[in-house]
Structure formats: C-alpha cells, structure tokens
Amino acid sequence: MIYADFEAITEKVDSCKPNDNDSYTEAYQKHTDCGFAYKVVCCYDDKYSKPAKIYRGEIAVYKFMEKMIDEVKYCRNTIKYKFNKPIKMTLADEENFKQLTECHICGKKYTNEDKRVRDHCHVTGKYRRSVHEACRLNFQLTDKITVIFHNLRGYDCHFIMHQIG
C-alpha cells in the first residue's frame, strides 16, 4: 500500500464587493498544490518497502499521478515475480489436509460434491489449510494497490479531482 499527503499554499485573492441584496460567497484565498510526500509499504516483506519520497514544486498533483503510475508498476511486478511461491507441504501438512472436514475460509463443512484444494500463502509458500476450490480462487493476492491519503475527503481530493478534470 501507499501512504500519501499533499501540501498547498494559500494565496490571497482580490475580489470585488458583492451586491448586499443577493446571497454570495466571497473568495478571499486560493489553495495551490505545491508538494506531496508518499511512502510505499509492503505488508508482506519490508525489504520491498521504499523510503518516503518528497516533491516540492509546481504541478504537484500531476507529478504525483506520474509517480503513482511508476509505483503501481513496481508493486505489481513485486507481486507477480516475488510473491508467487509454490506450495511447500510437509507430511504433517498432508495429514492435516486429509483430516479437515470444513473450509477454513468460509467455515462450511465439505460435501461429497465439493472439490477440496490446498491453500497456501503465495508470499512464503507455506501451506495454510484445506479449502473449497471456489473459496481459494476468491481469496488471492490482488493487483489493486491501496493508496491511503491524510485527509483525502476533507482536502486532498479537491486537488486530485481538479487535476483529473
């Protein structure tokens, strides 16, 4: 996942006096994006985390979006090439697989029609437990990269939506 934050400067805006007979909002300052910081954090193995990156300058939101495209490529490549370990089964794991009577993901008991499969961590290769085939397919590493912003809804989102527009 990526943690991010934008910074802005406020500039005074000169405006004329509105008509007192009508309702109005008087603009007195403009917020201009001037920088950002972000950090890529790998929750599976910290050696794939990256140091914080800081940018100060013009068109900060545009530069941020360019950087995010690069970081998403990095994260997806890490998932694809580093977190794709084959299953490692011990004799105890095989015995465990044979004895389990319910799926460890959904918790339902197996029926004669169910196809049981071995679930494992794709990061370490370690066997977890037996599961329904459908449950395993729905319980995989995603290629979606989560970006968590400081104050996205209250402030940063305005910069992003303006840039997208």
N, C-alpha and C. Protein backbone atom coordinates (compact mmCIF):
# COMPACT_ATOMS: atom_id res chain seq x y z
N MET A 1 0.84 -1.17 0.00
CA MET A 1 0.00 0.00 0.00
C MET A 1 0.88 1.23 0.00
N ILE A 2 0.25 2.35 -0.31
CA ILE A 2 0.98 3.61 -0.38
C ILE A 2 0.27 4.62 0.53
N TYR A 3 1.07 5.29 1.37
CA TYR A 3 0.55 6.36 2.21
C TYR A 3 0.97 7.68 1.58
N ALA A 4 0.02 8.63 1.46
CA ALA A 4 0.33 9.87 0.74
C ALA A 4 -0.33 11.08 1.39
N ASP A 5 0.25 12.25 1.08
CA ASP A 5 -0.31 13.51 1.55
C ASP A 5 0.12 14.62 0.60
N PHE A 6 -0.77 15.58 0.38
CA PHE A 6 -0.47 16.76 -0.42
C PHE A 6 -0.26 17.96 0.49
N GLU A 7 0.52 18.91 0.01
CA GLU A 7 0.69 20.18 0.69
C GLU A 7 0.26 21.28 -0.27
N ALA A 8 -0.21 22.39 0.31
CA ALA A 8 -0.67 23.51 -0.51
C ALA A 8 -0.29 24.82 0.15
N ILE A 9 -0.22 25.85 -0.69
CA ILE A 9 -0.03 27.19 -0.17
C ILE A 9 -1.32 27.96 -0.41
N THR A 10 -1.57 28.92 0.43
CA THR A 10 -2.75 29.76 0.24
C THR A 10 -2.29 31.12 -0.26
N GLU A 11 -3.00 31.60 -1.27
CA GLU A 11 -2.69 32.89 -1.86
C GLU A 11 -3.91 33.79 -1.71
N LYS A 12 -3.69 35.03 -1.34
CA LYS A 12 -4.78 35.97 -1.19
C LYS A 12 -5.40 36.25 -2.56
N VAL A 13 -6.73 36.34 -2.57
CA VAL A 13 -7.46 36.61 -3.80
C VAL A 13 -8.13 37.97 -3.65
N ASP A 14 -7.91 38.85 -4.60
CA ASP A 14 -8.61 40.14 -4.61
C ASP A 14 -9.97 39.93 -5.24
N SER A 15 -11.00 40.40 -4.57
CA SER A 15 -12.34 40.26 -5.14
C SER A 15 -13.09 41.56 -4.94
N CYS A 16 -14.10 41.74 -5.77
CA CYS A 16 -14.89 42.96 -5.64
C CYS A 16 -16.00 42.74 -4.61
N LYS A 17 -16.55 43.83 -4.11
CA LYS A 17 -17.61 43.75 -3.10
C LYS A 17 -18.89 43.29 -3.79
N PRO A 18 -19.48 42.15 -3.36
CA PRO A 18 -20.72 41.67 -3.96
C PRO A 18 -21.90 42.57 -3.59
N ASN A 19 -22.98 42.36 -4.30
CA ASN A 19 -24.22 43.08 -4.05
C ASN A 19 -24.82 42.60 -2.73
N ASP A 20 -25.11 43.50 -1.80
CA ASP A 20 -25.65 43.12 -0.50
C ASP A 20 -27.07 42.57 -0.57
N ASN A 21 -27.76 42.76 -1.68
CA ASN A 21 -29.15 42.28 -1.81
C ASN A 21 -29.22 40.80 -2.22
N ASP A 22 -28.12 40.22 -2.66
CA ASP A 22 -28.09 38.83 -3.10
C ASP A 22 -27.19 38.02 -2.15
N SER A 23 -27.48 36.72 -2.05
CA SER A 23 -26.58 35.87 -1.26
C SER A 23 -25.32 35.62 -2.09
N TYR A 24 -24.24 35.46 -1.40
CA TYR A 24 -22.98 35.28 -2.11
C TYR A 24 -21.95 34.60 -1.21
N THR A 25 -20.91 34.09 -1.83
CA THR A 25 -19.74 33.60 -1.13
C THR A 25 -18.56 34.44 -1.60
N GLU A 26 -17.85 34.99 -0.67
CA GLU A 26 -16.72 35.83 -1.03
C GLU A 26 -15.43 35.02 -0.96
N ALA A 27 -14.77 34.90 -2.10
CA ALA A 27 -13.48 34.19 -2.14
C ALA A 27 -12.41 35.14 -1.63
N TYR A 28 -11.62 34.67 -0.65
CA TYR A 28 -10.56 35.52 -0.12
C TYR A 28 -9.19 34.85 -0.22
N GLN A 29 -9.15 33.55 -0.53
CA GLN A 29 -7.87 32.90 -0.74
C GLN A 29 -8.01 31.72 -1.71
N LYS A 30 -6.91 31.40 -2.34
CA LYS A 30 -6.86 30.29 -3.28
C LYS A 30 -5.82 29.30 -2.77
N HIS A 31 -6.16 28.01 -2.81
CA HIS A 31 -5.23 26.96 -2.39
C HIS A 31 -4.56 26.39 -3.64
N THR A 32 -3.25 26.37 -3.65
CA THR A 32 -2.49 25.87 -4.79
C THR A 32 -1.59 24.73 -4.32
N ASP A 33 -1.69 23.60 -5.01
CA ASP A 33 -0.84 22.45 -4.65
C ASP A 33 0.61 22.81 -4.88
N CYS A 34 1.45 22.46 -3.91
CA CYS A 34 2.85 22.84 -4.02
C CYS A 34 3.79 21.69 -3.65
N GLY A 35 3.23 20.54 -3.27
CA GLY A 35 4.11 19.43 -2.93
C GLY A 35 3.34 18.22 -2.46
N PHE A 36 4.06 17.13 -2.32
CA PHE A 36 3.47 15.89 -1.81
C PHE A 36 4.57 15.03 -1.20
N ALA A 37 4.11 14.07 -0.44
CA ALA A 37 5.01 13.05 0.10
C ALA A 37 4.25 11.74 0.04
N TYR A 38 4.98 10.65 -0.17
CA TYR A 38 4.34 9.33 -0.13
C TYR A 38 5.37 8.28 0.26
N LYS A 39 4.86 7.17 0.73
CA LYS A 39 5.71 6.05 1.12
C LYS A 39 5.05 4.76 0.69
N VAL A 40 5.79 3.91 0.01
CA VAL A 40 5.33 2.58 -0.39
C VAL A 40 5.69 1.61 0.74
N VAL A 41 4.68 0.89 1.24
CA VAL A 41 4.88 -0.04 2.35
C VAL A 41 4.39 -1.42 1.93
N CYS A 42 5.27 -2.40 2.02
CA CYS A 42 4.90 -3.78 1.72
C CYS A 42 4.57 -4.48 3.04
N CYS A 43 3.33 -4.91 3.18
CA CYS A 43 2.93 -5.54 4.45
C CYS A 43 3.35 -7.00 4.52
N TYR A 44 3.88 -7.56 3.44
CA TYR A 44 4.31 -8.96 3.44
C TYR A 44 5.79 -9.12 3.75
N ASP A 45 6.62 -8.21 3.22
CA ASP A 45 8.06 -8.30 3.41
C ASP A 45 8.63 -6.88 3.31
N ASP A 46 9.13 -6.37 4.42
CA ASP A 46 9.57 -4.97 4.49
C ASP A 46 10.71 -4.64 3.52
N LYS A 47 11.42 -5.65 3.02
CA LYS A 47 12.51 -5.34 2.10
C LYS A 47 11.99 -4.79 0.76
N TYR A 48 10.68 -4.93 0.50
CA TYR A 48 10.09 -4.36 -0.71
C TYR A 48 9.45 -3.01 -0.45
N SER A 49 9.47 -2.54 0.81
CA SER A 49 9.02 -1.18 1.11
C SER A 49 10.07 -0.21 0.58
N LYS A 50 9.67 1.03 0.39
CA LYS A 50 10.58 2.04 -0.14
C LYS A 50 10.66 3.22 0.82
N PRO A 51 11.76 3.97 0.80
CA PRO A 51 11.83 5.17 1.63
C PRO A 51 10.79 6.20 1.16
N ALA A 52 10.43 7.10 2.05
CA ALA A 52 9.47 8.16 1.71
C ALA A 52 10.04 9.02 0.58
N LYS A 53 9.16 9.43 -0.31
CA LYS A 53 9.54 10.32 -1.42
C LYS A 53 8.85 11.65 -1.19
N ILE A 54 9.57 12.73 -1.42
CA ILE A 54 9.04 14.08 -1.21
C ILE A 54 9.25 14.88 -2.48
N TYR A 55 8.23 15.63 -2.86
CA TYR A 55 8.33 16.53 -4.02
C TYR A 55 7.83 17.90 -3.59
N ARG A 56 8.58 18.93 -3.95
CA ARG A 56 8.15 20.32 -3.76
C ARG A 56 8.31 21.03 -5.09
N GLY A 57 7.24 21.65 -5.55
CA GLY A 57 7.32 22.37 -6.81
C GLY A 57 5.95 22.54 -7.45
N GLU A 58 5.99 23.02 -8.67
CA GLU A 58 4.75 23.28 -9.41
C GLU A 58 4.14 21.97 -9.90
N ILE A 59 2.91 22.07 -10.29
CA ILE A 59 2.07 20.95 -10.78
C ILE A 59 2.27 19.68 -9.96
N ALA A 60 2.18 19.83 -8.66
CA ALA A 60 2.47 18.72 -7.74
C ALA A 60 1.52 17.55 -7.94
N VAL A 61 0.23 17.82 -8.16
CA VAL A 61 -0.72 16.72 -8.31
C VAL A 61 -0.43 15.94 -9.59
N TYR A 62 -0.11 16.64 -10.66
CA TYR A 62 0.24 15.98 -11.91
C TYR A 62 1.50 15.11 -11.72
N LYS A 63 2.51 15.66 -11.07
CA LYS A 63 3.74 14.90 -10.80
C LYS A 63 3.44 13.69 -9.92
N PHE A 64 2.55 13.87 -8.93
CA PHE A 64 2.15 12.76 -8.06
C PHE A 64 1.53 11.64 -8.88
N MET A 65 0.63 11.98 -9.78
CA MET A 65 -0.02 10.95 -10.60
C MET A 65 0.98 10.21 -11.47
N GLU A 66 1.95 10.92 -12.01
CA GLU A 66 3.02 10.26 -12.77
C GLU A 66 3.78 9.27 -11.88
N LYS A 67 4.12 9.69 -10.68
CA LYS A 67 4.84 8.82 -9.75
C LYS A 67 4.01 7.60 -9.36
N MET A 68 2.71 7.78 -9.19
CA MET A 68 1.84 6.66 -8.80
C MET A 68 1.80 5.59 -9.89
N ILE A 69 1.83 6.00 -11.15
CA ILE A 69 1.87 5.02 -12.23
C ILE A 69 3.13 4.17 -12.12
N ASP A 70 4.27 4.80 -11.85
CA ASP A 70 5.53 4.06 -11.67
C ASP A 70 5.47 3.14 -10.46
N GLU A 71 4.92 3.63 -9.35
CA GLU A 71 4.86 2.83 -8.13
C GLU A 71 3.92 1.63 -8.27
N VAL A 72 2.82 1.82 -8.98
CA VAL A 72 1.90 0.70 -9.21
C VAL A 72 2.60 -0.37 -10.05
N LYS A 73 3.37 0.02 -11.04
CA LYS A 73 4.14 -0.95 -11.84
C LYS A 73 5.12 -1.71 -10.94
N TYR A 74 5.80 -0.99 -10.06
CA TYR A 74 6.74 -1.63 -9.12
C TYR A 74 6.00 -2.65 -8.24
N CYS A 75 4.88 -2.23 -7.66
CA CYS A 75 4.12 -3.12 -6.76
C CYS A 75 3.61 -4.34 -7.51
N ARG A 76 3.07 -4.15 -8.69
CA ARG A 76 2.54 -5.29 -9.46
C ARG A 76 3.65 -6.25 -9.86
N ASN A 77 4.80 -5.73 -10.24
CA ASN A 77 5.93 -6.60 -10.59
C ASN A 77 6.42 -7.37 -9.37
N THR A 78 6.44 -6.71 -8.22
CA THR A 78 6.85 -7.39 -6.98
C THR A 78 5.89 -8.53 -6.67
N ILE A 79 4.60 -8.27 -6.77
CA ILE A 79 3.60 -9.31 -6.51
C ILE A 79 3.76 -10.46 -7.51
N LYS A 80 3.91 -10.11 -8.77
CA LYS A 80 3.98 -11.14 -9.82
C LYS A 80 5.24 -12.01 -9.74
N TYR A 81 6.40 -11.38 -9.50
CA TYR A 81 7.65 -12.12 -9.58
C TYR A 81 8.23 -12.54 -8.22
N LYS A 82 7.89 -11.85 -7.16
CA LYS A 82 8.45 -12.19 -5.85
C LYS A 82 7.47 -12.94 -4.96
N PHE A 83 6.17 -12.69 -5.15
CA PHE A 83 5.16 -13.28 -4.28
C PHE A 83 4.35 -14.32 -5.04
N ASN A 84 5.04 -15.26 -5.62
CA ASN A 84 4.37 -16.31 -6.39
C ASN A 84 5.04 -17.65 -6.06
N LYS A 85 5.23 -17.89 -4.77
CA LYS A 85 5.94 -19.09 -4.33
C LYS A 85 5.04 -20.32 -4.44
N PRO A 86 5.61 -21.44 -4.88
CA PRO A 86 4.83 -22.70 -4.90
C PRO A 86 4.60 -23.21 -3.49
N ILE A 87 3.62 -24.07 -3.35
CA ILE A 87 3.26 -24.60 -2.04
C ILE A 87 4.36 -25.52 -1.51
N LYS A 88 4.62 -25.40 -0.21
CA LYS A 88 5.58 -26.28 0.49
C LYS A 88 4.77 -27.11 1.48
N MET A 89 4.68 -28.42 1.24
CA MET A 89 3.88 -29.31 2.09
C MET A 89 4.80 -30.26 2.86
N THR A 90 4.57 -30.34 4.17
CA THR A 90 5.26 -31.33 4.99
C THR A 90 4.34 -32.54 5.13
N LEU A 91 4.84 -33.63 5.71
CA LEU A 91 3.99 -34.79 5.97
C LEU A 91 2.85 -34.43 6.92
N ALA A 92 3.13 -33.60 7.90
CA ALA A 92 2.09 -33.15 8.84
C ALA A 92 1.02 -32.32 8.11
N ASP A 93 1.46 -31.52 7.14
CA ASP A 93 0.51 -30.73 6.35
C ASP A 93 -0.41 -31.64 5.54
N GLU A 94 0.17 -32.69 4.93
CA GLU A 94 -0.63 -33.65 4.14
C GLU A 94 -1.66 -34.34 5.03
N GLU A 95 -1.23 -34.70 6.21
CA GLU A 95 -2.15 -35.36 7.16
C GLU A 95 -3.27 -34.40 7.57
N ASN A 96 -2.90 -33.16 7.82
CA ASN A 96 -3.88 -32.14 8.16
C ASN A 96 -4.90 -31.96 7.04
N PHE A 97 -4.42 -31.91 5.80
CA PHE A 97 -5.31 -31.74 4.64
C PHE A 97 -6.34 -32.88 4.56
N LYS A 98 -5.89 -34.09 4.80
CA LYS A 98 -6.78 -35.26 4.71
C LYS A 98 -7.83 -35.26 5.82
N GLN A 99 -7.49 -34.75 6.99
CA GLN A 99 -8.38 -34.85 8.15
C GLN A 99 -9.39 -33.71 8.27
N LEU A 100 -9.11 -32.57 7.68
CA LEU A 100 -10.02 -31.43 7.85
C LEU A 100 -11.36 -31.69 7.18
N THR A 101 -12.42 -31.26 7.83
CA THR A 101 -13.78 -31.51 7.34
C THR A 101 -14.51 -30.24 6.93
N GLU A 102 -13.86 -29.10 7.12
CA GLU A 102 -14.51 -27.84 6.73
C GLU A 102 -13.49 -26.87 6.14
N CYS A 103 -13.99 -25.99 5.30
CA CYS A 103 -13.17 -24.97 4.63
C CYS A 103 -12.74 -23.90 5.64
N HIS A 104 -11.46 -23.58 5.66
CA HIS A 104 -11.01 -22.58 6.64
C HIS A 104 -11.32 -21.16 6.21
N ILE A 105 -11.77 -20.95 4.98
CA ILE A 105 -12.14 -19.60 4.54
C ILE A 105 -13.61 -19.31 4.84
N CYS A 106 -14.51 -20.18 4.38
CA CYS A 106 -15.95 -19.93 4.58
C CYS A 106 -16.50 -20.62 5.83
N GLY A 107 -15.80 -21.63 6.33
CA GLY A 107 -16.23 -22.32 7.54
C GLY A 107 -17.29 -23.39 7.31
N LYS A 108 -17.69 -23.63 6.06
CA LYS A 108 -18.72 -24.63 5.79
C LYS A 108 -18.10 -26.03 5.70
N LYS A 109 -18.87 -27.03 6.14
CA LYS A 109 -18.43 -28.43 6.05
C LYS A 109 -18.41 -28.86 4.58
N TYR A 110 -17.48 -29.76 4.28
CA TYR A 110 -17.38 -30.28 2.92
C TYR A 110 -18.50 -31.29 2.66
N THR A 111 -19.00 -31.27 1.43
CA THR A 111 -19.94 -32.29 0.99
C THR A 111 -19.22 -33.19 -0.01
N ASN A 112 -19.87 -34.26 -0.44
CA ASN A 112 -19.25 -35.17 -1.41
C ASN A 112 -19.03 -34.50 -2.76
N GLU A 113 -19.81 -33.45 -3.06
CA GLU A 113 -19.68 -32.77 -4.35
C GLU A 113 -18.58 -31.70 -4.35
N ASP A 114 -18.14 -31.29 -3.17
CA ASP A 114 -17.15 -30.22 -3.07
C ASP A 114 -15.77 -30.70 -3.52
N LYS A 115 -15.05 -29.79 -4.20
CA LYS A 115 -13.67 -30.07 -4.57
C LYS A 115 -12.77 -29.35 -3.57
N ARG A 116 -12.07 -30.14 -2.75
CA ARG A 116 -11.14 -29.59 -1.76
C ARG A 116 -9.78 -29.37 -2.40
N VAL A 117 -9.16 -28.26 -2.05
CA VAL A 117 -7.81 -27.96 -2.55
C VAL A 117 -6.95 -27.46 -1.40
N ARG A 118 -5.66 -27.44 -1.63
CA ARG A 118 -4.71 -26.97 -0.63
C ARG A 118 -4.51 -25.47 -0.81
N ASP A 119 -4.72 -24.73 0.26
CA ASP A 119 -4.50 -23.29 0.23
C ASP A 119 -3.11 -23.01 0.80
N HIS A 120 -2.41 -22.05 0.19
CA HIS A 120 -1.10 -21.69 0.70
C HIS A 120 -0.85 -20.20 0.51
N CYS A 121 0.09 -19.68 1.27
CA CYS A 121 0.50 -18.29 1.18
C CYS A 121 1.42 -18.15 -0.04
N HIS A 122 1.07 -17.28 -0.95
CA HIS A 122 1.88 -17.10 -2.16
C HIS A 122 3.15 -16.29 -1.88
N VAL A 123 3.22 -15.67 -0.72
CA VAL A 123 4.41 -14.91 -0.35
C VAL A 123 5.48 -15.84 0.21
N THR A 124 5.08 -16.76 1.10
CA THR A 124 6.05 -17.65 1.76
C THR A 124 6.04 -19.07 1.20
N GLY A 125 4.95 -19.48 0.56
CA GLY A 125 4.80 -20.86 0.09
C GLY A 125 4.24 -21.78 1.16
N LYS A 126 4.00 -21.28 2.36
CA LYS A 126 3.55 -22.12 3.47
C LYS A 126 2.09 -22.55 3.29
N TYR A 127 1.86 -23.86 3.52
CA TYR A 127 0.51 -24.42 3.48
C TYR A 127 -0.32 -23.81 4.60
N ARG A 128 -1.58 -23.44 4.27
CA ARG A 128 -2.47 -22.91 5.30
C ARG A 128 -3.40 -24.00 5.81
N ARG A 129 -4.35 -24.40 4.95
CA ARG A 129 -5.31 -25.45 5.29
C ARG A 129 -6.06 -25.83 4.03
N SER A 130 -7.01 -26.77 4.18
CA SER A 130 -7.81 -27.15 3.01
C SER A 130 -8.96 -26.16 2.85
N VAL A 131 -9.36 -25.95 1.60
CA VAL A 131 -10.43 -25.01 1.29
C VAL A 131 -11.23 -25.52 0.09
N HIS A 132 -12.42 -24.94 -0.10
CA HIS A 132 -13.15 -25.16 -1.34
C HIS A 132 -12.36 -24.51 -2.48
N GLU A 133 -12.42 -25.13 -3.63
CA GLU A 133 -11.71 -24.56 -4.78
C GLU A 133 -12.19 -23.13 -5.07
N ALA A 134 -13.51 -22.92 -5.02
CA ALA A 134 -14.07 -21.58 -5.30
C ALA A 134 -13.61 -20.56 -4.25
N CYS A 135 -13.54 -20.98 -3.00
CA CYS A 135 -13.09 -20.07 -1.94
C CYS A 135 -11.64 -19.65 -2.18
N ARG A 136 -10.80 -20.58 -2.59
CA ARG A 136 -9.39 -20.27 -2.84
C ARG A 136 -9.24 -19.29 -3.99
N LEU A 137 -10.04 -19.47 -5.03
CA LEU A 137 -9.96 -18.57 -6.18
C LEU A 137 -10.37 -17.15 -5.81
N ASN A 138 -11.29 -17.02 -4.86
CA ASN A 138 -11.73 -15.70 -4.43
C ASN A 138 -10.83 -15.09 -3.37
N PHE A 139 -9.88 -15.85 -2.84
CA PHE A 139 -9.03 -15.43 -1.73
C PHE A 139 -7.59 -15.38 -2.20
N GLN A 140 -7.30 -14.46 -3.11
CA GLN A 140 -5.96 -14.37 -3.68
C GLN A 140 -5.40 -12.98 -3.49
N LEU A 141 -4.09 -12.86 -3.69
CA LEU A 141 -3.48 -11.53 -3.70
C LEU A 141 -4.12 -10.73 -4.82
N THR A 142 -4.41 -9.49 -4.55
CA THR A 142 -5.00 -8.63 -5.56
C THR A 142 -3.90 -7.80 -6.23
N ASP A 143 -4.17 -7.38 -7.44
CA ASP A 143 -3.21 -6.49 -8.10
C ASP A 143 -3.62 -5.02 -7.91
N LYS A 144 -4.62 -4.80 -7.08
CA LYS A 144 -5.04 -3.44 -6.75
C LYS A 144 -4.11 -2.91 -5.67
N ILE A 145 -3.64 -1.70 -5.83
CA ILE A 145 -2.74 -1.09 -4.87
C ILE A 145 -3.52 -0.02 -4.10
N THR A 146 -3.57 -0.17 -2.80
CA THR A 146 -4.30 0.77 -1.95
C THR A 146 -3.44 2.00 -1.69
N VAL A 147 -4.05 3.18 -1.87
CA VAL A 147 -3.38 4.43 -1.55
C VAL A 147 -4.20 5.11 -0.46
N ILE A 148 -3.57 5.34 0.68
CA ILE A 148 -4.23 5.96 1.82
C ILE A 148 -3.70 7.38 1.97
N PHE A 149 -4.63 8.35 1.90
CA PHE A 149 -4.26 9.75 2.00
C PHE A 149 -4.56 10.30 3.38
N HIS A 150 -3.73 11.22 3.82
CA HIS A 150 -4.04 12.00 5.00
C HIS A 150 -5.06 13.06 4.57
N ASN A 151 -6.26 13.02 5.15
CA ASN A 151 -7.32 14.00 4.90
C ASN A 151 -7.78 14.04 3.44
N LEU A 152 -7.95 12.88 2.83
CA LEU A 152 -8.39 12.83 1.43
C LEU A 152 -9.76 13.48 1.26
N ARG A 153 -10.72 13.03 2.03
CA ARG A 153 -12.09 13.50 1.85
C ARG A 153 -12.21 15.00 2.16
N GLY A 154 -11.49 15.46 3.15
CA GLY A 154 -11.65 16.84 3.57
C GLY A 154 -10.85 17.85 2.77
N TYR A 155 -9.80 17.41 2.06
CA TYR A 155 -8.94 18.41 1.42
C TYR A 155 -8.27 17.90 0.15
N ASP A 156 -7.46 16.85 0.26
CA ASP A 156 -6.62 16.40 -0.86
C ASP A 156 -7.43 16.00 -2.09
N CYS A 157 -8.62 15.46 -1.88
CA CYS A 157 -9.44 15.01 -3.00
C CYS A 157 -9.75 16.14 -3.98
N HIS A 158 -9.88 17.35 -3.47
CA HIS A 158 -10.17 18.50 -4.33
C HIS A 158 -9.06 18.72 -5.35
N PHE A 159 -7.82 18.57 -4.92
CA PHE A 159 -6.70 18.74 -5.85
C PHE A 159 -6.70 17.64 -6.91
N ILE A 160 -6.94 16.40 -6.47
CA ILE A 160 -6.92 15.28 -7.40
C ILE A 160 -8.04 15.40 -8.43
N MET A 161 -9.24 15.68 -7.97
CA MET A 161 -10.38 15.79 -8.90
C MET A 161 -10.20 16.96 -9.86
N HIS A 162 -9.62 18.04 -9.40
CA HIS A 162 -9.36 19.17 -10.28
C HIS A 162 -8.36 18.77 -11.37
N GLN A 163 -7.32 18.02 -11.00
CA GLN A 163 -6.32 17.58 -11.97
C GLN A 163 -6.91 16.60 -12.96
N ILE A 164 -7.73 15.67 -12.46
CA ILE A 164 -8.39 14.71 -13.37
C ILE A 164 -9.26 15.44 -14.38
N GLY A 165 -9.98 16.45 -13.89
CA GLY A 165 -10.86 17.25 -14.76
C GLY A 165 -10.07 17.99 -15.80
